[in-house]
Amino acid sequence: MVTVLLSAGWAHRGQRRFVCPEGTVRDIIREFVATHPAYRRRLLDSAGEPLTYYNVYLDGVLIENADRARVWVGSDSTVAIVPPLAGG
């Protein structure tokens, strides 16, 4: 299983760690939202595609928006979803 980490600022009820099956970064985000629909407006657009304003890291490496549909996330990996931060 893939571990998905969310920023504390986005966590509902303090839960920041989740699990999803492996797939592309895009698949992971969409599966996460399917399982946790409270995050839909933050992560997906009206067509169900991942929004691009937040950063996604795979095992600590930034995944560019253009690469989210092709980068594979295997079991035992960690995907961190980081919202934009104000104030520098």
Protein backbone atom coordinates (compact mmCIF):
# COMPACT_ATOMS: atom_id res chain seq x y z
CA MET A 1 0.00 0.00 0.00
CA VAL A 2 1.00 3.60 -0.61
CA THR A 3 1.05 6.05 2.30
CA VAL A 4 -0.56 9.42 1.59
CA LEU A 5 0.40 12.29 3.89
CA LEU A 6 -1.56 15.53 4.10
CA SER A 7 -0.54 18.86 5.53
CA ALA A 8 -1.81 19.44 9.07
CA GLY A 9 -3.67 22.51 7.79
CA TRP A 10 -5.83 20.31 5.56
CA ALA A 11 -6.32 17.39 7.94
CA HIS A 12 -9.88 16.66 9.02
CA ARG A 13 -10.12 15.58 12.66
CA GLY A 14 -6.33 15.54 12.84
CA GLN A 15 -5.89 12.54 10.53
CA ARG A 16 -2.90 13.17 8.27
CA ARG A 17 -1.87 9.64 7.21
CA PHE A 18 -3.89 7.48 4.81
CA VAL A 19 -3.29 4.47 2.57
CA CYS A 20 -4.13 3.88 -1.09
CA PRO A 21 -3.34 1.14 -3.60
CA GLU A 22 -0.41 1.74 -5.94
CA GLY A 23 -0.81 3.52 -9.28
CA THR A 24 0.25 6.75 -10.95
CA VAL A 25 0.36 9.92 -8.87
CA ARG A 26 -2.85 10.98 -10.63
CA ASP A 27 -4.48 7.64 -9.76
CA ILE A 28 -3.41 7.96 -6.12
CA ILE A 29 -4.97 11.43 -5.81
CA ARG A 30 -8.20 10.32 -7.45
CA GLU A 31 -8.43 7.13 -5.36
CA PHE A 32 -7.73 9.11 -2.21
CA VAL A 33 -10.61 11.49 -3.01
CA ALA A 34 -12.92 8.57 -3.87
CA THR A 35 -12.25 7.12 -0.43
CA HIS A 36 -12.22 10.49 1.39
CA PRO A 37 -14.66 12.77 -0.48
CA ALA A 38 -14.31 15.62 2.03
CA TYR A 39 -11.04 16.48 0.24
CA ARG A 40 -12.53 16.65 -3.27
CA ARG A 41 -12.82 20.45 -3.53
CA ARG A 42 -9.19 20.87 -2.46
CA LEU A 43 -7.71 18.24 -4.77
CA LEU A 44 -9.86 17.77 -7.90
CA ASP A 45 -11.44 20.10 -10.44
CA SER A 46 -15.05 19.81 -11.64
CA ALA A 47 -14.00 17.22 -14.26
CA GLY A 48 -12.37 15.02 -11.60
CA GLU A 49 -8.80 15.87 -12.57
CA PRO A 50 -6.17 16.79 -9.98
CA LEU A 51 -5.76 20.52 -9.46
CA THR A 52 -2.28 21.93 -10.00
CA TYR A 53 -1.94 24.55 -7.26
CA TYR A 54 -0.60 22.16 -4.61
CA ASN A 55 2.70 20.29 -4.64
CA VAL A 56 3.02 16.52 -4.65
CA TYR A 57 6.15 14.75 -3.42
CA LEU A 58 6.96 11.09 -4.00
CA ASP A 59 9.38 9.83 -1.38
CA GLY A 60 10.61 13.39 -0.90
CA VAL A 61 11.01 14.24 -4.60
CA LEU A 62 8.76 16.94 -6.12
CA ILE A 63 6.59 15.59 -8.94
CA GLU A 64 5.88 18.22 -11.57
CA ASN A 65 2.25 18.70 -12.61
CA ALA A 66 2.94 17.46 -16.13
CA ASP A 67 4.38 14.20 -14.75
CA ARG A 68 1.55 13.25 -12.38
CA ALA A 69 -0.24 11.09 -14.97
CA ARG A 70 2.85 9.02 -15.81
CA VAL A 71 4.93 8.67 -12.60
CA TRP A 72 4.26 5.30 -11.00
CA VAL A 73 3.92 5.01 -7.22
CA GLY A 74 4.75 1.55 -5.97
CA SER A 75 3.93 -0.13 -2.69
CA ASP A 76 5.79 1.13 0.37
CA SER A 77 6.11 4.61 -1.18
CA THR A 78 4.96 7.85 0.41
CA VAL A 79 3.04 10.58 -1.42
CA ALA A 80 2.93 13.92 0.39
CA ILE A 81 0.36 16.50 -0.68
CA VAL A 82 1.44 20.01 0.31
CA PRO A 83 -0.81 23.05 -0.09
CA PRO A 84 0.65 26.42 -1.04
CA LEU A 85 1.93 28.33 1.94
CA ALA A 86 1.38 32.04 2.47
CA GLY A 87 3.94 34.40 3.90
CA GLY A 88 7.07 32.83 2.38
